[in-house]
């Protein structure tokens, strides 16, 4: 007769004095902020919020702006005939 492996984890020994802690589940916004793009100061940018775009006369993306309440971040793109030549990264705008 074949032996079966006992997979009941409740029977595993626990060291004395070991504490168990639990955490509340992260909210979707907390997860998004943890994985968000960062601005030039290293702060998270809420890129899931609505964006406003501007384009140059050739139809290339010129700026990307996102606002979260009173905070605004802008990303500036520059282009040459060969393609994109500059990306400023997200820059938080002064109030």
PDB file of N, CA and C in Angstrom:
ATOM      1  N   UNK A   1       0.836  -1.166   0.000  1.00  0.00           N
ATOM      2  CA  UNK A   1       0.000   0.000   0.000  1.00  0.00           C
ATOM      3  C   UNK A   1       0.887   1.238   0.000  1.00  0.00           C
ATOM      4  N   UNK A   2       0.592   2.222  -0.866  1.00  0.00           N
ATOM      5  CA  UNK A   2       1.417   3.422  -0.986  1.00  0.00           C
ATOM      6  C   UNK A   2       1.137   4.373   0.161  1.00  0.00           C
ATOM      7  N   UNK A   3       2.220   5.022   0.612  1.00  0.00           N
ATOM      8  CA  UNK A   3       2.052   5.999   1.678  1.00  0.00           C
ATOM      9  C   UNK A   3       1.662   7.344   1.068  1.00  0.00           C
ATOM     10  N   UNK A   4       0.841   8.088   1.787  1.00  0.00           N
ATOM     11  CA  UNK A   4       0.490   9.428   1.343  1.00  0.00           C
ATOM     12  C   UNK A   4       1.210  10.440   2.215  1.00  0.00           C
ATOM     13  N   UNK A   5       1.591  11.512   1.610  1.00  0.00           N
ATOM     14  CA  UNK A   5       2.303  12.566   2.327  1.00  0.00           C
ATOM     15  C   UNK A   5       1.278  13.433   3.057  1.00  0.00           C
ATOM     16  N   UNK A   6       1.551  13.719   4.324  1.00  0.00           N
ATOM     17  CA  UNK A   6       0.650  14.569   5.110  1.00  0.00           C
ATOM     18  C   UNK A   6       0.905  16.029   4.731  1.00  0.00           C
ATOM     19  N   UNK A   7      -0.085  16.673   4.124  1.00  0.00           N
ATOM     20  CA  UNK A   7       0.077  18.059   3.694  1.00  0.00           C
ATOM     21  C   UNK A   7      -0.703  19.020   4.583  1.00  0.00           C
ATOM     22  N   UNK A   8      -1.121  18.588   5.746  1.00  0.00           N
ATOM     23  CA  UNK A   8      -1.848  19.456   6.663  1.00  0.00           C
ATOM     24  C   UNK A   8      -0.842  20.408   7.319  1.00  0.00           C
ATOM     25  N   UNK A   9      -0.807  21.660   6.840  1.00  0.00           N
ATOM     26  CA  UNK A   9       0.179  22.620   7.337  1.00  0.00           C
ATOM     27  C   UNK A   9      -0.079  23.048   8.764  1.00  0.00           C
ATOM     28  N   UNK A  10      -1.260  22.817   9.275  1.00  0.00           N
ATOM     29  CA  UNK A  10      -1.549  23.206  10.650  1.00  0.00           C
ATOM     30  C   UNK A  10      -0.782  22.346  11.643  1.00  0.00           C
ATOM     31  N   UNK A  11      -0.201  21.254  11.185  1.00  0.00           N
ATOM     32  CA  UNK A  11       0.545  20.371  12.076  1.00  0.00           C
ATOM     33  C   UNK A  11       2.034  20.702  12.116  1.00  0.00           C
ATOM     34  N   UNK A  12       2.467  21.704  11.323  1.00  0.00           N
ATOM     35  CA  UNK A  12       3.878  22.062  11.326  1.00  0.00           C
ATOM     36  C   UNK A  12       4.240  22.730  12.646  1.00  0.00           C
ATOM     37  N   UNK A  13       5.426  22.444  13.177  1.00  0.00           N
ATOM     38  CA  UNK A  13       5.816  23.052  14.457  1.00  0.00           C
ATOM     39  C   UNK A  13       6.048  24.557  14.304  1.00  0.00           C
ATOM     40  N   UNK A  14       5.734  25.286  15.346  1.00  0.00           N
ATOM     41  CA  UNK A  14       5.959  26.724  15.395  1.00  0.00           C
ATOM     42  C   UNK A  14       6.888  26.997  16.567  1.00  0.00           C
ATOM     43  N   UNK A  15       7.951  27.791  16.318  1.00  0.00           N
ATOM     44  CA  UNK A  15       8.874  28.117  17.399  1.00  0.00           C
ATOM     45  C   UNK A  15       8.155  28.912  18.483  1.00  0.00           C
ATOM     46  N   UNK A  16       8.537  28.644  19.730  1.00  0.00           N
ATOM     47  CA  UNK A  16       7.936  29.390  20.831  1.00  0.00           C
ATOM     48  C   UNK A  16       8.394  30.844  20.778  1.00  0.00           C
ATOM     49  N   UNK A  17       7.502  31.755  21.087  1.00  0.00           N
ATOM     50  CA  UNK A  17       7.828  33.174  21.104  1.00  0.00           C
ATOM     51  C   UNK A  17       7.704  33.840  19.741  1.00  0.00           C
ATOM     52  N   UNK A  18       7.422  33.059  18.716  1.00  0.00           N
ATOM     53  CA  UNK A  18       7.291  33.636  17.384  1.00  0.00           C
ATOM     54  C   UNK A  18       5.975  34.394  17.296  1.00  0.00           C
ATOM     55  N   UNK A  19       6.040  35.635  16.795  1.00  0.00           N
ATOM     56  CA  UNK A  19       4.832  36.443  16.686  1.00  0.00           C
ATOM     57  C   UNK A  19       4.314  36.400  15.255  1.00  0.00           C
ATOM     58  N   UNK A  20       3.044  36.432  15.148  1.00  0.00           N
ATOM     59  CA  UNK A  20       2.413  36.469  13.833  1.00  0.00           C
ATOM     60  C   UNK A  20       1.793  37.848  13.648  1.00  0.00           C
ATOM     61  N   UNK A  21       2.125  38.476  12.535  1.00  0.00           N
ATOM     62  CA  UNK A  21       1.523  39.776  12.246  1.00  0.00           C
ATOM     63  C   UNK A  21       0.725  39.667  10.963  1.00  0.00           C
ATOM     64  N   UNK A  22      -0.296  40.474  10.876  1.00  0.00           N
ATOM     65  CA  UNK A  22      -1.090  40.506   9.661  1.00  0.00           C
ATOM     66  C   UNK A  22      -1.152  41.940   9.166  1.00  0.00           C
ATOM     67  N   UNK A  23      -1.291  42.089   7.872  1.00  0.00           N
ATOM     68  CA  UNK A  23      -1.417  43.403   7.257  1.00  0.00           C
ATOM     69  C   UNK A  23      -2.727  43.471   6.507  1.00  0.00           C
ATOM     70  N   UNK A  24      -3.272  44.678   6.489  1.00  0.00           N
ATOM     71  CA  UNK A  24      -4.472  44.878   5.674  1.00  0.00           C
ATOM     72  C   UNK A  24      -4.054  44.829   4.213  1.00  0.00           C
ATOM     73  N   UNK A  25      -4.933  44.365   3.373  1.00  0.00           N
ATOM     74  CA  UNK A  25      -4.644  44.306   1.941  1.00  0.00           C
ATOM     75  C   UNK A  25      -4.456  45.719   1.405  1.00  0.00           C
ATOM     76  N   UNK A  26      -3.523  45.870   0.472  1.00  0.00           N
ATOM     77  CA  UNK A  26      -3.270  47.172  -0.136  1.00  0.00           C
ATOM     78  C   UNK A  26      -4.438  47.574  -1.023  1.00  0.00           C
ATOM     79  N   UNK A  27      -4.752  48.850  -1.004  1.00  0.00           N
ATOM     80  CA  UNK A  27      -5.803  49.357  -1.885  1.00  0.00           C
ATOM     81  C   UNK A  27      -5.238  49.463  -3.297  1.00  0.00           C
ATOM     82  N   UNK A  28      -6.092  49.506  -4.310  1.00  0.00           N
ATOM     83  CA  UNK A  28      -5.589  49.663  -5.677  1.00  0.00           C
ATOM     84  C   UNK A  28      -4.733  50.925  -5.847  1.00  0.00           C
ATOM     85  N   UNK A  29      -5.104  52.020  -5.156  1.00  0.00           N
ATOM     86  CA  UNK A  29      -4.310  53.247  -5.269  1.00  0.00           C
ATOM     87  C   UNK A  29      -2.932  53.070  -4.641  1.00  0.00           C
ATOM     88  N   UNK A  30      -2.835  52.352  -3.509  1.00  0.00           N
ATOM     89  CA  UNK A  30      -1.540  52.097  -2.883  1.00  0.00           C
ATOM     90  C   UNK A  30      -0.644  51.265  -3.796  1.00  0.00           C
ATOM     91  N   UNK A  31      -1.218  50.280  -4.461  1.00  0.00           N
ATOM     92  CA  UNK A  31      -0.452  49.462  -5.400  1.00  0.00           C
ATOM     93  C   UNK A  31       0.027  50.312  -6.558  1.00  0.00           C
ATOM     94  N   UNK A  32      -0.860  51.147  -7.091  1.00  0.00           N
ATOM     95  CA  UNK A  32      -0.491  52.016  -8.215  1.00  0.00           C
ATOM     96  C   UNK A  32       0.614  52.979  -7.824  1.00  0.00           C
ATOM     97  N   UNK A  33       0.552  53.561  -6.634  1.00  0.00           N
ATOM     98  CA  UNK A  33       1.585  54.504  -6.196  1.00  0.00           C
ATOM     99  C   UNK A  33       2.929  53.791  -5.994  1.00  0.00           C
ATOM    100  N   UNK A  34       2.897  52.558  -5.548  1.00  0.00           N
ATOM    101  CA  UNK A  34       4.144  51.815  -5.330  1.00  0.00           C
ATOM    102  C   UNK A  34       4.844  51.495  -6.640  1.00  0.00           C
ATOM    103  N   UNK A  35       4.077  51.366  -7.706  1.00  0.00           N
ATOM    104  CA  UNK A  35       4.657  51.003  -9.001  1.00  0.00           C
ATOM    105  C   UNK A  35       4.646  52.160  -9.991  1.00  0.00           C
ATOM    106  N   UNK A  36       4.294  53.365  -9.514  1.00  0.00           N
ATOM    107  CA  UNK A  36       4.130  54.521 -10.402  1.00  0.00           C
ATOM    108  C   UNK A  36       5.464  55.020 -10.946  1.00  0.00           C
ATOM    109  N   UNK A  37       5.370  55.718 -12.077  1.00  0.00           N
ATOM    110  CA  UNK A  37       6.518  56.455 -12.583  1.00  0.00           C
ATOM    111  C   UNK A  37       6.925  57.466 -11.521  1.00  0.00           C
ATOM    112  N   UNK A  38       8.175  57.879 -11.538  1.00  0.00           N
ATOM    113  CA  UNK A  38       8.683  58.853 -10.572  1.00  0.00           C
ATOM    114  C   UNK A  38       9.039  60.149 -11.272  1.00  0.00           C
ATOM    115  N   UNK A  39       8.874  61.270 -10.553  1.00  0.00           N
ATOM    116  CA  UNK A  39       9.269  62.547 -11.138  1.00  0.00           C
ATOM    117  C   UNK A  39      10.765  62.758 -10.953  1.00  0.00           C
ATOM    118  N   UNK A  40      11.265  63.889 -11.418  1.00  0.00           N
ATOM    119  CA  UNK A  40      12.704  64.144 -11.362  1.00  0.00           C
ATOM    120  C   UNK A  40      13.213  64.310  -9.933  1.00  0.00           C
ATOM    121  N   UNK A  41      12.303  64.460  -8.955  1.00  0.00           N
ATOM    122  CA  UNK A  41      12.673  64.515  -7.544  1.00  0.00           C
ATOM    123  C   UNK A  41      12.524  63.155  -6.860  1.00  0.00           C
ATOM    124  N   UNK A  42      12.077  62.139  -7.607  1.00  0.00           N
ATOM    125  CA  UNK A  42      11.921  60.795  -7.057  1.00  0.00           C
ATOM    126  C   UNK A  42      10.560  60.506  -6.457  1.00  0.00           C
ATOM    127  N   UNK A  43       9.631  61.429  -6.575  1.00  0.00           N
ATOM    128  CA  UNK A  43       8.293  61.242  -6.025  1.00  0.00           C
ATOM    129  C   UNK A  43       7.384  60.553  -7.050  1.00  0.00           C
ATOM    130  N   UNK A  44       6.418  59.741  -6.571  1.00  0.00           N
ATOM    131  CA  UNK A  44       5.529  59.052  -7.508  1.00  0.00           C
ATOM    132  C   UNK A  44       4.614  60.023  -8.251  1.00  0.00           C
ATOM    133  N   UNK A  45       4.372  59.716  -9.520  1.00  0.00           N
ATOM    134  CA  UNK A  45       3.478  60.511 -10.361  1.00  0.00           C
ATOM    135  C   UNK A  45       2.232  59.673 -10.634  1.00  0.00           C
ATOM    136  N   UNK A  46       1.035  60.203 -10.368  1.00  0.00           N
ATOM    137  CA  UNK A  46      -0.195  59.423 -10.568  1.00  0.00           C
ATOM    138  C   UNK A  46      -0.571  59.344 -12.043  1.00  0.00           C
ATOM    139  N   UNK A  47       0.157  58.540 -12.793  1.00  0.00           N
ATOM    140  CA  UNK A  47      -0.047  58.472 -14.243  1.00  0.00           C
ATOM    141  C   UNK A  47      -1.364  57.819 -14.638  1.00  0.00           C
ATOM    142  N   UNK A  48      -2.103  57.277 -13.685  1.00  0.00           N
ATOM    143  CA  UNK A  48      -3.407  56.696 -13.994  1.00  0.00           C
ATOM    144  C   UNK A  48      -4.501  57.770 -14.010  1.00  0.00           C
ATOM    145  N   UNK A  49      -4.161  58.988 -13.608  1.00  0.00           N
ATOM    146  CA  UNK A  49      -5.117  60.099 -13.651  1.00  0.00           C
ATOM    147  C   UNK A  49      -5.223  60.615 -15.085  1.00  0.00           C
ATOM    148  N   UNK A  50      -6.236  61.437 -15.398  1.00  0.00           N
ATOM    149  CA  UNK A  50      -6.391  61.958 -16.761  1.00  0.00           C
ATOM    150  C   UNK A  50      -5.185  62.787 -17.217  1.00  0.00           C
ATOM    151  N   UNK A  51      -4.878  62.698 -18.506  1.00  0.00           N
ATOM    152  CA  UNK A  51      -3.753  63.412 -19.108  1.00  0.00           C
ATOM    153  C   UNK A  51      -4.256  64.469 -20.079  1.00  0.00           C
ATOM    154  N   UNK A  52      -3.433  65.519 -20.251  1.00  0.00           N
ATOM    155  CA  UNK A  52      -3.665  66.523 -21.292  1.00  0.00           C
ATOM    156  C   UNK A  52      -2.423  66.514 -22.176  1.00  0.00           C
ATOM    157  N   UNK A  53      -2.612  66.474 -23.499  1.00  0.00           N
ATOM    158  CA  UNK A  53      -1.504  66.384 -24.438  1.00  0.00           C
ATOM    159  C   UNK A  53      -1.468  67.614 -25.328  1.00  0.00           C
ATOM    160  N   UNK A  54      -0.249  68.003 -25.729  1.00  0.00           N
ATOM    161  CA  UNK A  54      -0.096  69.005 -26.786  1.00  0.00           C
ATOM    162  C   UNK A  54       0.826  68.406 -27.839  1.00  0.00           C
ATOM    163  N   UNK A  55       0.699  68.919 -29.068  1.00  0.00           N
ATOM    164  CA  UNK A  55       1.462  68.397 -30.197  1.00  0.00           C
ATOM    165  C   UNK A  55       2.115  69.549 -30.942  1.00  0.00           C
ATOM    166  N   UNK A  56       3.282  69.277 -31.550  1.00  0.00           N
ATOM    167  CA  UNK A  56       3.931  70.307 -32.358  1.00  0.00           C
ATOM    168  C   UNK A  56       3.277  70.354 -33.743  1.00  0.00           C
ATOM    169  N   UNK A  57       3.768  71.253 -34.594  1.00  0.00           N
ATOM    170  CA  UNK A  57       3.150  71.435 -35.910  1.00  0.00           C
ATOM    171  C   UNK A  57       3.316  70.223 -36.823  1.00  0.00           C
ATOM    172  N   UNK A  58       4.260  69.336 -36.487  1.00  0.00           N
ATOM    173  CA  UNK A  58       4.446  68.118 -37.286  1.00  0.00           C
ATOM    174  C   UNK A  58       3.584  66.964 -36.784  1.00  0.00           C
ATOM    175  N   UNK A  59       2.842  67.213 -35.703  1.00  0.00           N
ATOM    176  CA  UNK A  59       1.989  66.164 -35.154  1.00  0.00           C
ATOM    177  C   UNK A  59       2.663  65.307 -34.109  1.00  0.00           C
ATOM    178  N   UNK A  60       3.890  65.658 -33.703  1.00  0.00           N
ATOM    179  CA  UNK A  60       4.599  64.904 -32.670  1.00  0.00           C
ATOM    180  C   UNK A  60       4.122  65.333 -31.278  1.00  0.00           C
ATOM    181  N   UNK A  61       4.089  64.395 -30.359  1.00  0.00           N
ATOM    182  CA  UNK A  61       3.740  64.696 -28.975  1.00  0.00           C
ATOM    183  C   UNK A  61       4.738  65.698 -28.425  1.00  0.00           C
ATOM    184  N   UNK A  62       4.247  66.803 -27.887  1.00  0.00           N
ATOM    185  CA  UNK A  62       5.120  67.847 -27.359  1.00  0.00           C
ATOM    186  C   UNK A  62       5.137  67.845 -25.831  1.00  0.00           C
ATOM    187  N   UNK A  63       3.946  67.804 -25.203  1.00  0.00           N
ATOM    188  CA  UNK A  63       3.878  67.724 -23.741  1.00  0.00           C
ATOM    189  C   UNK A  63       2.795  66.741 -23.323  1.00  0.00           C
ATOM    190  N   UNK A  64       3.009  66.165 -22.161  1.00  0.00           N
ATOM    191  CA  UNK A  64       2.051  65.277 -21.508  1.00  0.00           C
ATOM    192  C   UNK A  64       1.919  65.818 -20.094  1.00  0.00           C
ATOM    193  N   UNK A  65       0.718  66.189 -19.698  1.00  0.00           N
ATOM    194  CA  UNK A  65       0.492  66.775 -18.376  1.00  0.00           C
ATOM    195  C   UNK A  65      -0.537  65.953 -17.628  1.00  0.00           C
ATOM    196  N   UNK A  66      -0.266  65.689 -16.350  1.00  0.00           N
ATOM    197  CA  UNK A  66      -1.203  64.969 -15.496  1.00  0.00           C
ATOM    198  C   UNK A  66      -1.409  65.788 -14.229  1.00  0.00           C
ATOM    199  N   UNK A  67      -2.659  65.830 -13.764  1.00  0.00           N
ATOM    200  CA  UNK A  67      -3.002  66.608 -12.566  1.00  0.00           C
ATOM    201  C   UNK A  67      -3.717  65.705 -11.574  1.00  0.00           C
ATOM    202  N   UNK A  68      -3.339  65.858 -10.309  1.00  0.00           N
ATOM    203  CA  UNK A  68      -3.961  65.113  -9.225  1.00  0.00           C
ATOM    204  C   UNK A  68      -4.353  66.130  -8.156  1.00  0.00           C
ATOM    205  N   UNK A  69      -5.556  66.646  -8.236  1.00  0.00           N
ATOM    206  CA  UNK A  69      -5.974  67.675  -7.283  1.00  0.00           C
ATOM    207  C   UNK A  69      -5.233  68.969  -7.558  1.00  0.00           C
ATOM    208  N   UNK A  70      -4.385  69.405  -6.615  1.00  0.00           N
ATOM    209  CA  UNK A  70      -3.653  70.661  -6.776  1.00  0.00           C
ATOM    210  C   UNK A  70      -2.253  70.466  -7.343  1.00  0.00           C
ATOM    211  N   UNK A  71      -1.808  69.231  -7.521  1.00  0.00           N
ATOM    212  CA  UNK A  71      -0.463  68.952  -8.041  1.00  0.00           C
ATOM    213  C   UNK A  71      -0.511  68.654  -9.532  1.00  0.00           C
ATOM    214  N   UNK A  72       0.468  69.204 -10.271  1.00  0.00           N
ATOM    215  CA  UNK A  72       0.546  69.009 -11.719  1.00  0.00           C
ATOM    216  C   UNK A  72       1.965  68.619 -12.102  1.00  0.00           C
ATOM    217  N   UNK A  73       2.078  67.622 -12.993  1.00  0.00           N
ATOM    218  CA  UNK A  73       3.363  67.192 -13.524  1.00  0.00           C
ATOM    219  C   UNK A  73       3.316  67.298 -15.035  1.00  0.00           C
ATOM    220  N   UNK A  74       4.431  67.716 -15.642  1.00  0.00           N
ATOM    221  CA  UNK A  74       4.508  67.826 -17.093  1.00  0.00           C
ATOM    222  C   UNK A  74       5.747  67.088 -17.585  1.00  0.00           C
ATOM    223  N   UNK A  75       5.592  66.463 -18.729  1.00  0.00           N
ATOM    224  CA  UNK A  75       6.692  65.765 -19.399  1.00  0.00           C
ATOM    225  C   UNK A  75       6.818  66.393 -20.778  1.00  0.00           C
ATOM    226  N   UNK A  76       8.018  66.882 -21.117  1.00  0.00           N
ATOM    227  CA  UNK A  76       8.250  67.575 -22.381  1.00  0.00           C
ATOM    228  C   UNK A  76       9.073  66.690 -23.310  1.00  0.00           C
ATOM    229  N   UNK A  77       8.613  66.601 -24.556  1.00  0.00           N
ATOM    230  CA  UNK A  77       9.294  65.808 -25.574  1.00  0.00           C
ATOM    231  C   UNK A  77       9.805  66.744 -26.667  1.00  0.00           C
ATOM    232  N   UNK A  78      11.000  66.453 -27.185  1.00  0.00           N
ATOM    233  CA  UNK A  78      11.534  67.201 -28.318  1.00  0.00           C
ATOM    234  C   UNK A  78      11.896  66.221 -29.417  1.00  0.00           C
ATOM    235  N   UNK A  79      11.778  66.689 -30.668  1.00  0.00           N
ATOM    236  CA  UNK A  79      11.946  65.823 -31.823  1.00  0.00           C
ATOM    237  C   UNK A  79      12.892  66.449 -32.838  1.00  0.00           C
ATOM    238  N   UNK A  80      13.603  65.602 -33.565  1.00  0.00           N
ATOM    239  CA  UNK A  80      14.383  66.001 -34.736  1.00  0.00           C
ATOM    240  C   UNK A  80      13.873  65.183 -35.905  1.00  0.00           C
ATOM    241  N   UNK A  81      14.448  65.381 -37.084  1.00  0.00           N
ATOM    242  CA  UNK A  81      14.037  64.571 -38.234  1.00  0.00           C
ATOM    243  C   UNK A  81      14.323  63.092 -38.013  1.00  0.00           C
ATOM    244  N   UNK A  82      15.319  62.780 -37.176  1.00  0.00           N
ATOM    245  CA  UNK A  82      15.682  61.384 -36.921  1.00  0.00           C
ATOM    246  C   UNK A  82      14.765  60.712 -35.898  1.00  0.00           C
ATOM    247  N   UNK A  83      13.995  61.517 -35.165  1.00  0.00           N
ATOM    248  CA  UNK A  83      13.112  60.942 -34.154  1.00  0.00           C
ATOM    249  C   UNK A  83      13.185  61.721 -32.860  1.00  0.00           C
ATOM    250  N   UNK A  84      12.738  61.098 -31.786  1.00  0.00           N
ATOM    251  CA  UNK A  84      12.722  61.772 -30.489  1.00  0.00           C
ATOM    252  C   UNK A  84      14.137  62.057 -30.024  1.00  0.00           C
ATOM    253  N   UNK A  85      14.389  63.320 -29.629  1.00  0.00           N
ATOM    254  CA  UNK A  85      15.737  63.699 -29.207  1.00  0.00           C
ATOM    255  C   UNK A  85      15.829  63.996 -27.720  1.00  0.00           C
ATOM    256  N   UNK A  86      14.684  64.221 -27.058  1.00  0.00           N
ATOM    257  CA  UNK A  86      14.726  64.569 -25.637  1.00  0.00           C
ATOM    258  C   UNK A  86      13.413  64.204 -24.961  1.00  0.00           C
ATOM    259  N   UNK A  87      13.530  63.747 -23.720  1.00  0.00           N
ATOM    260  CA  UNK A  87      12.382  63.474 -22.859  1.00  0.00           C
ATOM    261  C   UNK A  87      12.769  64.007 -21.486  1.00  0.00           C
ATOM    262  N   UNK A  88      12.059  65.016 -21.008  1.00  0.00           N
ATOM    263  CA  UNK A  88      12.411  65.664 -19.736  1.00  0.00           C
ATOM    264  C   UNK A  88      12.170  64.789 -18.531  1.00  0.00           C
ATOM    265  N   UNK A  89      11.356  63.742 -18.675  1.00  0.00           N
ATOM    266  CA  UNK A  89      10.903  63.017 -17.497  1.00  0.00           C
ATOM    267  C   UNK A  89       9.790  63.832 -16.853  1.00  0.00           C
ATOM    268  N   UNK A  90       9.138  63.269 -15.865  1.00  0.00           N
ATOM    269  CA  UNK A  90       8.047  63.983 -15.194  1.00  0.00           C
ATOM    270  C   UNK A  90       8.626  65.062 -14.306  1.00  0.00           C
ATOM    271  N   UNK A  91       8.173  66.300 -14.479  1.00  0.00           N
ATOM    272  CA  UNK A  91       8.624  67.433 -13.669  1.00  0.00           C
ATOM    273  C   UNK A  91       7.416  68.029 -12.976  1.00  0.00           C
ATOM    274  N   UNK A  92       7.480  68.101 -11.646  1.00  0.00           N
ATOM    275  CA  UNK A  92       6.377  68.695 -10.892  1.00  0.00           C
ATOM    276  C   UNK A  92       6.409  70.204 -11.069  1.00  0.00           C
ATOM    277  N   UNK A  93       5.249  70.775 -11.359  1.00  0.00           N
ATOM    278  CA  UNK A  93       5.152  72.210 -11.613  1.00  0.00           C
ATOM    279  C   UNK A  93       4.968  72.947 -10.288  1.00  0.00           C
ATOM    280  N   UNK A  94       5.587  74.119 -10.178  1.00  0.00           N
ATOM    281  CA  UNK A  94       5.453  74.951  -8.992  1.00  0.00           C
ATOM    282  C   UNK A  94       4.053  75.527  -8.911  1.00  0.00           C
ATOM    283  N   UNK A  95       3.599  75.699  -7.696  1.00  0.00           N
ATOM    284  CA  UNK A  95       2.244  76.262  -7.502  1.00  0.00           C
ATOM    285  C   UNK A  95       2.228  77.751  -7.721  1.00  0.00           C
TER     286      UNK A  95
END
